[in-house]
Amino acid sequence: MSQVQDGQIKVVNQDLLKKRMGKPKGRAVDPAARAEIVALLSDTSRKPDMLIEHLHKIQDKFGHISAQHLAALASEMKLSQTEAYEVATFYHHFDVVREGETPPPALTVRVCDSVTCDMFGAKSLIQDLKASLGDGVRIQPVPCVGRCQHAPVAVVGQNPIDNADLQKVIAQAKAKATKAPVTNYIPFDQYTTNNGYQLYKDCIAGKHNPEDLIKIMETSGLRGLGGAGFPVGRKWRIVSGYDAPRYMAVNIDEGEPGTFKDRHYLEQDPHRFLEGMLVAAWAVGIAKIWIYLRDEYAGVRQILETELTKLKANPPANMPDIELRRGAGAYICGEESAMVESIEGKRGMPRLRPPFLAEVGLFGRPTLEHNMESVYWIREIVEKGAEWFVSHGRHERKGLRSYSVSGRIKKPGVHLAPAGITMRELIDEYCGGMLDGHEFYGYFPGGASGGILPASMGNIPLDFDTLNQYGCFIGSAAVVVFSQQDSARHLALNAIKFFEEESCGQCTPCRAGTSKAAKLMEKSSWDQPLLQELSTAMMDASICGLGQAAPNPILSVIKYFPQELSN
């Protein structure tokens, strides 16, 4: 056999060529690593959508993911090594270690440095921990861990340390207390004795029909409580109109800085959520359900694993198959289509739309996507009637809202209050007022992406659509209150750095825009025309809500806090 190369004939050894062609491309699979992976996976599915679940198994077992284990996993799942590597390196909670690299220390302490924790001294805590714990412990600044009411928060392994200080964290680290505690919650037996799952039983028994339930949800005006606010009843009607099989995905990846309501409810009454989920699935004709839970909620994961096992062992009636899937530290997966990609075992990159998930969602099927809290209220709304829900509200708004409130107030936490309550009313009536020595200066009405408003605008009703004209939105009602001791400019920079870190990198306006904005905002004097031009480009051209909403804090500071930008 011969080849023409640079005008000359080159003879190729056919036996050598055959040997080369017979070898698989990429890294050779180490037999010992393969044996460890086979034992670790046991009899679980090797389907591609299980990739992230299996990566978690490796990370949990060995404390990192070595190149040998990654190659063995790819081979065992019949995936290319490139595909496995791309997914593993996309998510923050996987430590991929190449040949020749040193694995991370056995213990990692993560310290949240997002908006509220930053206000309460996270940066100083990070520095002190690095100086005190030494090289044997990795200190890792991380985005919001969903415990903003307890700021600052450190996480030793998977064990969250609320209101963390140096002594608390060192004590837990030395004790190797790395497991997340489980809260006292209403378990399966207790829930069923209090009429739990009776609504679902009645649905299956034919005492309700889907159309009646859809009308109840439409009348209640309940809207998606993950941030987008799409009417729940309308979503049910749309998805039920598409051909079966239809799937359902429940989004519990609440990563917006300032929000923690989903965790709050799941740590108290998980079956109220599970029953609402089953009722929604019945009304829409769902064949299978996936629950996507953020990885930071290790305690909640234990609760759901335990209670789903009980539910499946003692089902109140016929149920769709339910799978609990574990996120891996990617804020972008709170976006519905990125979550679907992650459930399918891929990088969490948002999809271009249309088509929308209602038509082409999980595994190409029509998909009902809901935030956890959106289904949490279903049982109560059906049992008490839509009028009960509508009867609440202030300032011409209707319904109830779960406000996650953190910052410079005396009673941070989840406050269930009338929709349309104002910021000043919320602080005075539910949050115990401002902390001593702090005066109300401004607030984030909807987390880091919802913009920033000054105290002078504290009488605006907090609800869907009421803040749009001010360049803000309520989103998931993640409210962060700050005082005259804080800087709106500094907090906006913290927010944009969060978005820079969490951008999936798929589209240039978001990937490059967040990075460029952070650099401009770090300067002593802001180039306001350039920042405004950059913000417009990001809002107009980004694929998903992350890039579209990231400029909101920038524009808010320019518009409402000009005194902080004057030289």
Protein backbone atom coordinates (compact mmCIF):
# COMPACT_ATOMS: atom_id res chain seq x y z
CA MET A 1 0.00 0.00 0.00
CA SER A 2 1.30 3.46 -0.82
CA GLN A 3 0.35 7.12 -0.22
CA VAL A 4 1.33 10.30 -2.04
CA GLN A 5 2.87 12.76 0.43
CA ASP A 6 4.65 15.99 -0.61
CA GLY A 7 4.91 14.69 -4.19
CA GLN A 8 6.59 11.44 -3.11
CA ILE A 9 5.26 7.93 -2.76
CA LYS A 10 5.35 6.68 0.87
CA VAL A 11 5.00 2.95 1.52
CA VAL A 12 2.87 2.11 4.52
CA ASN A 13 3.20 -1.15 6.40
CA GLN A 14 -0.22 -2.77 6.12
CA ASP A 15 0.22 -4.90 9.24
CA LEU A 16 1.11 -1.83 11.27
CA LEU A 17 -1.88 0.04 9.83
CA LYS A 18 -4.22 -2.78 10.79
CA LYS A 19 -2.90 -2.77 14.33
CA ARG A 20 -3.44 0.98 14.64
CA MET A 21 -6.94 0.81 13.21
CA GLY A 22 -7.86 -1.90 15.68
CA LYS A 23 -7.11 0.25 18.70
CA PRO A 24 -9.84 2.46 20.21
CA LYS A 25 -9.32 6.19 19.99
CA GLY A 26 -8.57 8.11 23.17
CA ARG A 27 -7.16 7.00 26.50
CA ALA A 28 -6.82 3.27 27.07
CA VAL A 29 -9.08 1.96 29.84
CA ASP A 30 -7.20 0.80 32.90
CA PRO A 31 -8.49 -2.64 34.01
CA ALA A 32 -8.32 -1.76 37.71
CA ALA A 33 -10.27 1.46 37.14
CA ARG A 34 -12.85 -0.43 35.09
CA ALA A 35 -13.31 -2.96 37.90
CA GLU A 36 -13.86 -0.14 40.41
CA ILE A 37 -16.42 1.54 38.15
CA VAL A 38 -18.30 -1.72 37.50
CA ALA A 39 -18.49 -2.36 41.25
CA LEU A 40 -19.56 1.22 41.95
CA LEU A 41 -22.34 1.23 39.34
CA SER A 42 -23.48 -2.26 40.34
CA ASP A 43 -26.76 -3.07 38.57
CA THR A 44 -27.86 0.53 37.92
CA SER A 45 -28.72 1.66 34.39
CA ARG A 46 -25.93 2.53 31.97
CA LYS A 47 -28.18 4.71 29.81
CA PRO A 48 -26.61 8.03 28.73
CA ASP A 49 -29.00 10.12 30.83
CA MET A 50 -27.49 8.56 33.97
CA LEU A 51 -24.05 10.07 33.32
CA ILE A 52 -24.31 12.84 35.92
CA GLU A 53 -25.67 10.45 38.53
CA HIS A 54 -22.72 8.13 37.97
CA LEU A 55 -20.24 11.01 38.06
CA HIS A 56 -21.63 11.82 41.51
CA LYS A 57 -20.97 8.24 42.61
CA ILE A 58 -17.31 8.57 41.63
CA GLN A 59 -16.93 12.02 43.22
CA ASP A 60 -18.57 10.84 46.46
CA LYS A 61 -16.50 7.65 46.66
CA PHE A 62 -13.05 8.96 45.78
CA GLY A 63 -13.31 12.70 46.48
CA HIS A 64 -12.50 13.50 42.85
CA ILE A 65 -12.85 12.05 39.34
CA SER A 66 -9.57 10.75 37.96
CA ALA A 67 -8.83 10.50 34.25
CA GLN A 68 -8.70 6.70 34.58
CA HIS A 69 -12.12 6.52 36.24
CA LEU A 70 -13.61 8.92 33.70
CA ALA A 71 -12.32 6.80 30.81
CA ALA A 72 -13.64 3.64 32.44
CA LEU A 73 -17.05 5.22 33.04
CA ALA A 74 -17.28 6.36 29.42
CA SER A 75 -16.43 2.85 28.24
CA GLU A 76 -18.93 1.23 30.60
CA MET A 77 -21.70 3.61 29.43
CA LYS A 78 -20.66 3.33 25.76
CA LEU A 79 -20.01 7.06 25.54
CA SER A 80 -17.08 8.83 23.97
CA GLN A 81 -14.46 10.00 26.43
CA THR A 82 -14.88 13.50 25.05
CA GLU A 83 -18.58 13.52 25.90
CA ALA A 84 -17.97 12.29 29.45
CA TYR A 85 -15.19 14.83 29.95
CA GLU A 86 -17.25 17.75 28.63
CA VAL A 87 -20.10 16.96 31.00
CA ALA A 88 -17.87 16.34 34.03
CA THR A 89 -15.96 19.59 33.59
CA PHE A 90 -19.10 21.66 33.01
CA TYR A 91 -20.39 21.27 36.58
CA HIS A 92 -18.74 22.94 39.59
CA HIS A 93 -19.16 20.00 41.96
CA PHE A 94 -17.04 17.56 39.97
CA ASP A 95 -13.27 17.67 40.51
CA VAL A 96 -11.76 16.19 37.36
CA VAL A 97 -8.08 15.32 37.88
CA ARG A 98 -5.91 14.67 34.83
CA GLU A 99 -2.78 12.51 34.79
CA GLY A 100 0.02 14.15 36.71
CA GLU A 101 -2.29 16.50 38.59
CA THR A 102 -2.67 16.47 42.36
CA PRO A 103 -6.16 15.57 43.64
CA PRO A 104 -7.86 18.09 45.91
CA PRO A 105 -7.54 17.64 49.69
CA ALA A 106 -9.87 15.12 51.31
CA LEU A 107 -11.91 17.91 52.90
CA THR A 108 -13.40 20.93 51.13
CA VAL A 109 -14.97 23.85 52.97
CA ARG A 110 -17.15 25.94 50.70
CA VAL A 111 -17.96 29.50 51.75
CA CYS A 112 -20.78 31.36 50.05
CA ASP A 113 -19.66 34.77 48.80
CA SER A 114 -22.88 35.89 47.08
CA VAL A 115 -24.84 39.04 47.90
CA THR A 116 -26.16 38.45 51.44
CA CYS A 117 -23.16 36.46 52.67
CA ASP A 118 -20.88 39.16 51.24
CA MET A 119 -22.78 41.74 53.30
CA PHE A 120 -22.15 39.71 56.45
CA GLY A 121 -18.41 39.25 56.08
CA ALA A 122 -17.90 36.21 53.83
CA LYS A 123 -14.67 37.54 52.31
CA SER A 124 -13.03 38.00 55.71
CA LEU A 125 -14.16 34.54 56.76
CA ILE A 126 -12.61 33.03 53.63
CA GLN A 127 -9.28 34.73 54.33
CA ASP A 128 -9.30 33.69 57.98
CA LEU A 129 -10.09 30.06 57.13
CA LYS A 130 -7.30 29.88 54.57
CA ALA A 131 -4.85 31.19 57.15
CA SER A 132 -6.10 28.89 59.91
CA LEU A 133 -6.86 25.53 58.30
CA GLY A 134 -3.75 25.20 56.16
CA ASP A 135 -3.07 23.17 53.03
CA GLY A 136 -4.86 20.04 54.20
CA VAL A 137 -8.27 21.65 53.72
CA ARG A 138 -9.46 23.31 50.53
CA ILE A 139 -11.26 26.61 51.13
CA GLN A 140 -13.46 27.33 48.16
CA PRO A 141 -15.49 30.54 47.60
CA VAL A 142 -18.76 29.49 45.97
CA PRO A 143 -21.98 31.06 44.70
CA CYS A 144 -25.19 31.09 46.74
CA VAL A 145 -25.90 27.87 48.66
CA GLY A 146 -29.55 28.71 49.40
CA ARG A 147 -29.27 29.58 53.10
CA CYS A 148 -29.21 33.39 52.85
CA GLN A 149 -31.24 33.92 56.01
CA HIS A 150 -28.29 32.44 57.97
CA ALA A 151 -25.52 34.51 56.36
CA PRO A 152 -22.64 34.03 56.28
CA VAL A 153 -22.74 30.31 55.48
CA ALA A 154 -19.92 27.80 55.16
CA VAL A 155 -20.36 24.17 54.10
CA VAL A 156 -17.96 21.57 55.55
CA GLY A 157 -18.20 18.72 53.07
CA GLN A 158 -21.98 18.65 52.78
CA ASN A 159 -22.64 20.02 56.26
CA PRO A 160 -23.91 23.63 56.22
CA ILE A 161 -22.71 25.87 59.04
CA ASP A 162 -25.22 28.67 59.56
CA ASN A 163 -24.11 32.09 60.83
CA ALA A 164 -20.61 30.80 60.34
CA ASP A 165 -17.57 32.18 62.10
CA LEU A 166 -13.98 30.98 62.27
CA GLN A 167 -14.38 28.95 65.46
CA LYS A 168 -17.54 27.16 64.30
CA VAL A 169 -16.05 26.11 60.98
CA ILE A 170 -12.73 25.01 62.44
CA ALA A 171 -14.51 22.89 65.06
CA GLN A 172 -16.64 21.13 62.44
CA ALA A 173 -13.68 20.65 60.11
CA LYS A 174 -11.51 19.12 62.84
CA ALA A 175 -14.38 16.84 63.87
CA LYS A 176 -14.79 15.81 60.20
CA ALA A 177 -18.50 16.58 60.56
CA THR A 178 -19.22 16.49 56.84
CA LYS A 179 -22.75 15.08 56.62
CA ALA A 180 -25.77 17.32 56.22
CA PRO A 181 -28.24 17.20 59.11
CA VAL A 182 -31.86 16.32 58.42
CA THR A 183 -34.55 18.60 59.79
CA ASN A 184 -37.65 17.51 61.66
CA TYR A 185 -40.32 17.17 58.99
CA ILE A 186 -43.72 15.58 58.47
CA PRO A 187 -43.01 11.98 57.37
CA PHE A 188 -45.22 9.73 55.25
CA ASP A 189 -47.18 8.12 58.10
CA GLN A 190 -47.95 11.42 59.78
CA TYR A 191 -48.92 13.06 56.50
CA THR A 192 -51.37 10.31 55.56
CA THR A 193 -53.10 10.45 58.96
CA ASN A 194 -53.91 14.09 58.25
CA ASN A 195 -55.88 13.38 55.07
CA GLY A 196 -52.68 13.22 53.06
CA TYR A 197 -52.97 11.79 49.53
CA GLN A 198 -56.78 11.71 49.81
CA LEU A 199 -57.04 14.27 47.03
CA TYR A 200 -54.87 12.11 44.79
CA LYS A 201 -56.90 9.02 45.69
CA ASP A 202 -60.08 10.89 44.78
CA CYS A 203 -58.59 11.91 41.44
CA ILE A 204 -57.67 8.33 40.57
CA ALA A 205 -61.10 7.12 41.78
CA GLY A 206 -62.87 9.50 39.39
CA LYS A 207 -64.25 11.91 42.00
CA HIS A 208 -62.57 14.72 40.10
CA ASN A 209 -61.90 15.14 36.43
CA PRO A 210 -58.92 16.84 34.81
CA GLU A 211 -60.94 19.66 33.26
CA ASP A 212 -62.38 20.66 36.64
CA LEU A 213 -58.92 20.81 38.20
CA ILE A 214 -57.53 22.81 35.31
CA LYS A 215 -60.37 25.31 35.73
CA ILE A 216 -59.68 25.56 39.48
CA MET A 217 -56.05 26.38 38.81
CA GLU A 218 -57.01 28.91 36.14
CA THR A 219 -59.48 30.60 38.50
CA SER A 220 -56.96 30.71 41.36
CA GLY A 221 -54.55 32.72 39.23
CA LEU A 222 -51.62 30.68 40.59
CA ARG A 223 -48.52 31.45 38.56
CA GLY A 224 -45.19 29.69 38.26
CA LEU A 225 -43.25 30.49 41.41
CA GLY A 226 -39.78 29.74 40.08
CA GLY A 227 -39.48 33.19 38.56
CA ALA A 228 -41.15 33.22 35.15
CA GLY A 229 -44.68 33.51 36.51
CA PHE A 230 -46.44 31.59 33.72
CA PRO A 231 -50.05 30.73 34.77
CA VAL A 232 -50.20 27.17 36.11
CA GLY A 233 -53.67 26.34 34.78
CA ARG A 234 -52.80 27.56 31.31
CA LYS A 235 -49.64 25.45 31.28
CA TRP A 236 -51.65 22.34 32.23
CA ARG A 237 -54.09 23.00 29.41
CA ILE A 238 -51.33 23.53 26.84
CA VAL A 239 -49.32 20.42 27.72
CA SER A 240 -52.38 18.18 27.98
CA GLY A 241 -53.22 19.11 24.39
CA TYR A 242 -50.13 17.39 22.99
CA ASP A 243 -49.88 13.71 22.16
CA ALA A 244 -48.84 11.16 24.80
CA PRO A 245 -46.52 10.10 26.26
CA ARG A 246 -46.12 13.32 28.20
CA TYR A 247 -43.44 13.84 30.84
CA MET A 248 -43.04 16.09 33.87
CA ALA A 249 -39.93 17.79 35.27
CA VAL A 250 -39.96 19.49 38.68
CA ASN A 251 -37.33 22.17 39.08
CA ILE A 252 -35.81 22.46 42.57
CA ASP A 253 -32.57 24.02 41.42
CA GLU A 254 -33.22 27.34 43.14
CA GLY A 255 -29.81 28.97 42.77
CA GLU A 256 -30.81 32.63 42.56
CA PRO A 257 -28.89 34.55 45.24
CA GLY A 258 -31.42 35.41 47.91
CA THR A 259 -33.88 32.55 47.42
CA PHE A 260 -34.38 29.59 49.74
CA LYS A 261 -38.17 29.08 49.88
CA ASP A 262 -38.20 25.68 48.17
CA ARG A 263 -35.73 24.27 50.68
CA HIS A 264 -37.77 25.79 53.51
CA TYR A 265 -40.98 24.00 52.49
CA LEU A 266 -39.33 20.68 51.66
CA GLU A 267 -37.63 20.60 55.05
CA GLN A 268 -41.07 20.91 56.67
CA ASP A 269 -43.69 19.10 54.58
CA PRO A 270 -42.24 17.15 51.61
CA HIS A 271 -45.37 15.10 50.95
CA ARG A 272 -47.50 18.19 50.36
CA PHE A 273 -45.19 18.84 47.45
CA LEU A 274 -45.22 15.21 46.30
CA GLU A 275 -49.02 14.99 46.40
CA GLY A 276 -49.37 18.26 44.48
CA MET A 277 -46.92 16.91 41.92
CA LEU A 278 -48.95 13.70 41.51
CA VAL A 279 -52.22 15.63 41.17
CA ALA A 280 -50.71 17.83 38.47
CA ALA A 281 -49.36 14.74 36.70
CA TRP A 282 -52.79 13.12 36.81
CA ALA A 283 -54.56 16.21 35.46
CA VAL A 284 -52.19 16.47 32.50
CA GLY A 285 -51.81 12.75 31.83
CA ILE A 286 -48.13 12.42 32.69
CA ALA A 287 -46.36 9.10 32.09
CA LYS A 288 -43.17 9.75 34.07
CA ILE A 289 -41.80 12.38 36.47
CA TRP A 290 -38.26 13.61 37.07
CA ILE A 291 -37.45 15.69 40.17
CA TYR A 292 -34.30 17.81 39.71
CA LEU A 293 -32.79 18.86 43.05
CA ARG A 294 -29.83 21.20 43.44
CA ASP A 295 -26.79 19.44 44.86
CA GLU A 296 -26.33 21.99 47.64
CA TYR A 297 -29.46 20.63 49.33
CA ALA A 298 -27.92 17.42 50.66
CA GLY A 299 -30.27 17.33 53.67
CA VAL A 300 -33.32 17.72 51.45
CA ARG A 301 -32.01 14.97 49.20
CA GLN A 302 -31.94 12.59 52.16
CA ILE A 303 -35.53 13.55 53.00
CA LEU A 304 -36.79 13.01 49.46
CA GLU A 305 -34.92 9.73 49.02
CA THR A 306 -36.39 8.40 52.28
CA GLU A 307 -39.94 9.61 51.67
CA LEU A 308 -40.06 8.58 48.00
CA THR A 309 -39.06 5.08 49.06
CA LYS A 310 -41.94 5.01 51.53
CA LEU A 311 -44.36 6.43 48.97
CA LYS A 312 -43.40 3.88 46.32
CA ALA A 313 -43.65 1.04 48.85
CA ASN A 314 -47.14 2.15 49.92
CA PRO A 315 -48.63 4.03 46.96
CA PRO A 316 -52.01 5.63 47.63
CA ALA A 317 -53.04 4.66 44.08
CA ASN A 318 -51.45 4.04 40.70
CA MET A 319 -48.61 6.50 40.19
CA PRO A 320 -46.30 7.45 37.36
CA ASP A 321 -42.69 6.39 37.70
CA ILE A 322 -40.70 9.02 39.67
CA GLU A 323 -36.96 9.63 39.44
CA LEU A 324 -34.97 11.94 41.71
CA ARG A 325 -32.05 13.52 39.90
CA ARG A 326 -29.17 15.39 41.49
CA GLY A 327 -27.84 18.66 40.13
CA ALA A 328 -24.12 19.34 40.24
CA GLY A 329 -23.61 22.99 41.08
CA ALA A 330 -24.70 24.90 37.98
CA TYR A 331 -27.01 27.90 38.45
CA ILE A 332 -27.91 27.83 34.76
CA CYS A 333 -29.80 24.57 35.33
CA GLY A 334 -32.50 26.59 37.06
CA GLU A 335 -33.44 27.63 33.52
CA GLU A 336 -36.00 25.05 32.41
CA SER A 337 -34.43 23.90 29.17
CA ALA A 338 -30.94 23.73 30.72
CA MET A 339 -32.44 21.59 33.48
CA VAL A 340 -33.90 19.25 30.87
CA GLU A 341 -30.50 18.96 29.19
CA SER A 342 -28.98 18.09 32.57
CA ILE A 343 -31.62 15.44 33.29
CA GLU A 344 -30.71 13.92 29.93
CA GLY A 345 -27.11 13.61 31.13
CA LYS A 346 -25.68 16.55 29.19
CA ARG A 347 -24.13 19.92 29.89
CA GLY A 348 -26.79 22.30 31.20
CA MET A 349 -26.97 24.61 28.23
CA PRO A 350 -30.26 26.37 27.44
CA ARG A 351 -32.03 25.38 24.25
CA LEU A 352 -33.03 27.74 21.51
CA ARG A 353 -36.81 28.16 21.43
CA PRO A 354 -39.21 27.50 19.83
CA PRO A 355 -40.03 24.67 20.16
CA PHE A 356 -40.93 25.08 23.81
CA LEU A 357 -40.77 22.33 26.41
CA ALA A 358 -44.53 21.94 26.40
CA GLU A 359 -44.19 20.53 22.88
CA VAL A 360 -40.64 19.16 22.71
CA GLY A 361 -39.11 18.67 26.14
CA LEU A 362 -37.53 15.73 27.95
CA PHE A 363 -36.32 13.11 25.48
CA GLY A 364 -38.26 14.90 22.76
CA ARG A 365 -41.67 14.50 24.43
CA PRO A 366 -44.20 17.15 25.57
CA THR A 367 -43.12 18.13 29.09
CA LEU A 368 -44.86 19.83 32.01
CA GLU A 369 -42.15 21.81 33.83
CA HIS A 370 -42.93 23.27 37.24
CA ASN A 371 -41.10 24.88 40.12
CA MET A 372 -41.47 22.98 43.39
CA GLU A 373 -43.56 25.66 45.11
CA SER A 374 -45.93 25.89 42.15
CA VAL A 375 -47.20 22.37 42.90
CA TYR A 376 -46.79 22.69 46.68
CA TRP A 377 -49.99 24.78 46.87
CA ILE A 378 -52.16 22.57 44.68
CA ARG A 379 -53.68 20.44 47.44
CA GLU A 380 -54.65 23.46 49.53
CA ILE A 381 -56.09 25.37 46.57
CA VAL A 382 -58.22 22.40 45.46
CA GLU A 383 -59.41 21.57 48.98
CA LYS A 384 -60.18 25.16 50.01
CA GLY A 385 -61.21 26.41 46.59
CA ALA A 386 -59.70 28.91 44.21
CA GLU A 387 -61.56 31.70 46.00
CA TRP A 388 -59.52 31.06 49.16
CA PHE A 389 -56.30 31.77 47.32
CA VAL A 390 -57.71 34.78 45.48
CA SER A 391 -59.05 36.28 48.73
CA HIS A 392 -55.52 37.16 49.81
CA GLY A 393 -53.61 40.12 48.48
CA ARG A 394 -52.98 43.82 48.90
CA HIS A 395 -52.95 46.88 46.71
CA GLU A 396 -55.26 45.31 44.11
CA ARG A 397 -53.10 42.17 43.81
CA LYS A 398 -54.41 38.64 44.47
CA GLY A 399 -52.93 35.54 46.05
CA LEU A 400 -50.13 34.63 48.44
CA ARG A 401 -46.38 34.84 47.93
CA SER A 402 -43.50 33.18 49.75
CA TYR A 403 -40.92 35.93 50.17
CA SER A 404 -37.37 34.75 50.95
CA VAL A 405 -36.08 37.75 52.88
CA SER A 406 -32.47 38.21 53.95
CA GLY A 407 -30.13 41.05 54.70
CA ARG A 408 -30.21 43.80 57.31
CA ILE A 409 -33.50 42.86 58.96
CA LYS A 410 -34.21 41.33 62.38
CA LYS A 411 -36.24 38.33 61.21
CA PRO A 412 -34.84 36.92 57.99
CA GLY A 413 -36.53 33.85 56.55
CA VAL A 414 -39.44 32.73 54.40
CA HIS A 415 -42.47 34.93 55.03
CA LEU A 416 -45.82 33.91 53.55
CA ALA A 417 -47.51 37.23 52.90
CA PRO A 418 -50.21 38.72 50.66
CA ALA A 419 -49.23 39.27 47.06
CA GLY A 420 -48.70 42.97 46.46
CA ILE A 421 -47.32 43.76 49.91
CA THR A 422 -44.79 46.59 49.76
CA MET A 423 -41.18 46.37 50.88
CA ARG A 424 -41.77 48.70 53.81
CA GLU A 425 -44.81 46.68 54.91
CA LEU A 426 -42.85 43.46 54.62
CA ILE A 427 -40.00 44.83 56.74
CA ASP A 428 -42.26 46.29 59.42
CA GLU A 429 -44.94 43.60 59.66
CA TYR A 430 -43.07 40.38 58.94
CA CYS A 431 -39.32 40.99 59.36
CA GLY A 432 -39.28 42.74 62.73
CA GLY A 433 -37.86 45.95 61.29
CA MET A 434 -34.28 46.78 60.37
CA LEU A 435 -31.32 45.64 62.45
CA ASP A 436 -30.29 48.05 65.16
CA GLY A 437 -28.05 50.75 63.75
CA HIS A 438 -29.16 50.11 60.17
CA GLU A 439 -31.45 52.33 58.11
CA PHE A 440 -33.33 51.03 55.08
CA TYR A 441 -31.34 52.12 52.02
CA GLY A 442 -32.32 49.75 49.21
CA TYR A 443 -33.36 46.26 48.20
CA PHE A 444 -33.19 43.53 45.58
CA PRO A 445 -36.86 42.63 44.96
CA GLY A 446 -36.10 39.49 42.96
CA GLY A 447 -32.62 38.23 43.74
CA ALA A 448 -29.42 39.19 41.97
CA SER A 449 -31.12 39.30 38.57
CA GLY A 450 -34.22 41.25 39.64
CA GLY A 451 -32.57 44.67 39.79
CA ILE A 452 -32.07 47.02 42.74
CA LEU A 453 -34.41 49.70 44.08
CA PRO A 454 -33.79 52.48 46.63
CA ALA A 455 -35.68 52.86 49.89
CA SER A 456 -37.55 55.81 48.38
CA MET A 457 -39.29 53.24 46.16
CA GLY A 458 -40.20 50.94 49.04
CA ASN A 459 -43.95 51.41 48.61
CA ILE A 460 -44.29 49.60 45.28
CA PRO A 461 -46.46 46.43 45.46
CA LEU A 462 -44.26 43.35 45.23
CA ASP A 463 -45.80 41.00 42.70
CA PHE A 464 -45.55 39.82 39.13
CA ASP A 465 -45.63 42.68 36.61
CA THR A 466 -45.67 45.49 39.19
CA LEU A 467 -41.92 46.18 38.93
CA ASN A 468 -41.40 45.90 35.19
CA GLN A 469 -41.78 49.63 34.53
CA TYR A 470 -38.89 50.28 36.91
CA GLY A 471 -36.52 47.88 35.16
CA CYS A 472 -36.92 45.22 37.87
CA PHE A 473 -38.94 42.07 38.51
CA ILE A 474 -39.94 39.93 41.47
CA GLY A 475 -38.83 36.58 40.01
CA SER A 476 -38.86 33.98 42.78
CA ALA A 477 -39.45 36.70 45.42
CA ALA A 478 -35.86 36.57 46.68
CA VAL A 479 -35.70 39.83 48.62
CA VAL A 480 -32.38 41.14 49.91
CA VAL A 481 -32.53 44.25 52.11
CA PHE A 482 -29.50 46.48 52.59
CA SER A 483 -28.77 49.57 54.64
CA GLN A 484 -26.81 52.81 54.65
CA GLN A 485 -23.80 50.75 55.75
CA ASP A 486 -23.81 48.94 52.39
CA SER A 487 -23.05 50.05 48.86
CA ALA A 488 -25.45 49.38 45.99
CA ARG A 489 -22.51 49.71 43.64
CA HIS A 490 -20.55 47.01 45.47
CA LEU A 491 -23.56 44.68 45.65
CA ALA A 492 -24.19 45.12 41.91
CA LEU A 493 -20.57 44.14 41.24
CA ASN A 494 -21.03 41.06 43.41
CA ALA A 495 -24.11 40.16 41.35
CA ILE A 496 -22.40 40.58 37.99
CA LYS A 497 -19.46 38.46 39.16
CA PHE A 498 -21.96 35.78 40.08
CA PHE A 499 -23.37 35.83 36.57
CA GLU A 500 -19.87 35.79 35.09
CA GLU A 501 -19.09 32.66 37.10
CA GLU A 502 -22.40 30.96 36.28
CA SER A 503 -22.70 31.77 32.58
CA CYS A 504 -22.78 28.51 30.63
CA GLY A 505 -20.63 30.13 27.94
CA GLN A 506 -22.86 29.11 25.06
CA CYS A 507 -23.55 32.60 23.71
CA THR A 508 -21.04 35.43 23.32
CA PRO A 509 -23.25 38.30 24.61
CA CYS A 510 -23.55 36.61 28.02
CA ARG A 511 -20.14 34.94 28.22
CA ALA A 512 -18.13 37.97 27.13
CA GLY A 513 -20.63 40.57 28.34
CA THR A 514 -20.61 39.53 32.00
CA SER A 515 -16.81 39.39 32.02
CA LYS A 516 -16.46 42.80 30.36
CA ALA A 517 -19.06 44.35 32.67
CA ALA A 518 -17.26 43.08 35.78
CA LYS A 519 -13.99 44.65 34.63
CA LEU A 520 -15.69 47.97 33.89
CA MET A 521 -17.46 47.98 37.25
CA GLU A 522 -14.24 47.33 39.16
CA LYS A 523 -12.81 50.65 37.96
CA SER A 524 -13.00 53.65 40.29
CA SER A 525 -15.07 55.51 37.71
CA TRP A 526 -17.77 53.73 35.71
CA ASP A 527 -17.94 54.31 31.97
CA GLN A 528 -21.71 54.64 32.11
CA PRO A 529 -22.41 55.01 28.36
CA LEU A 530 -20.33 51.91 27.60
CA LEU A 531 -21.98 49.91 30.40
CA GLN A 532 -25.42 50.91 29.12
CA GLU A 533 -24.50 49.96 25.56
CA LEU A 534 -23.09 46.63 26.76
CA SER A 535 -26.22 45.98 28.83
CA THR A 536 -28.47 46.57 25.83
CA ALA A 537 -26.45 44.14 23.73
CA MET A 538 -26.67 41.48 26.45
CA MET A 539 -30.40 41.91 26.95
CA ASP A 540 -31.16 41.86 23.22
CA ALA A 541 -28.88 39.05 22.09
CA SER A 542 -28.43 36.53 24.93
CA ILE A 543 -30.06 33.15 24.44
CA CYS A 544 -31.64 32.81 27.90
CA GLY A 545 -32.68 34.76 30.96
CA LEU A 546 -29.26 34.71 32.61
CA GLY A 547 -27.64 37.01 30.07
CA GLN A 548 -30.85 38.95 29.51
CA ALA A 549 -31.29 39.78 33.22
CA ALA A 550 -27.64 40.07 34.30
CA PRO A 551 -27.44 43.82 33.43
CA ASN A 552 -30.39 44.72 35.68
CA PRO A 553 -28.23 45.51 38.76
CA ILE A 554 -25.91 47.66 36.62
CA LEU A 555 -28.71 49.72 35.14
CA SER A 556 -30.40 50.02 38.52
CA VAL A 557 -27.33 51.55 40.13
CA ILE A 558 -26.91 54.02 37.25
CA LYS A 559 -30.58 55.02 37.44
CA TYR A 560 -31.38 54.91 41.16
CA PHE A 561 -28.06 55.31 42.97
CA PRO A 562 -26.22 57.99 40.95
CA GLN A 563 -24.74 59.44 44.14
CA GLU A 564 -22.52 56.35 44.42
CA LEU A 565 -21.04 56.94 40.96
CA SER A 566 -20.20 60.61 41.26
CA ASN A 567 -16.50 61.40 41.47
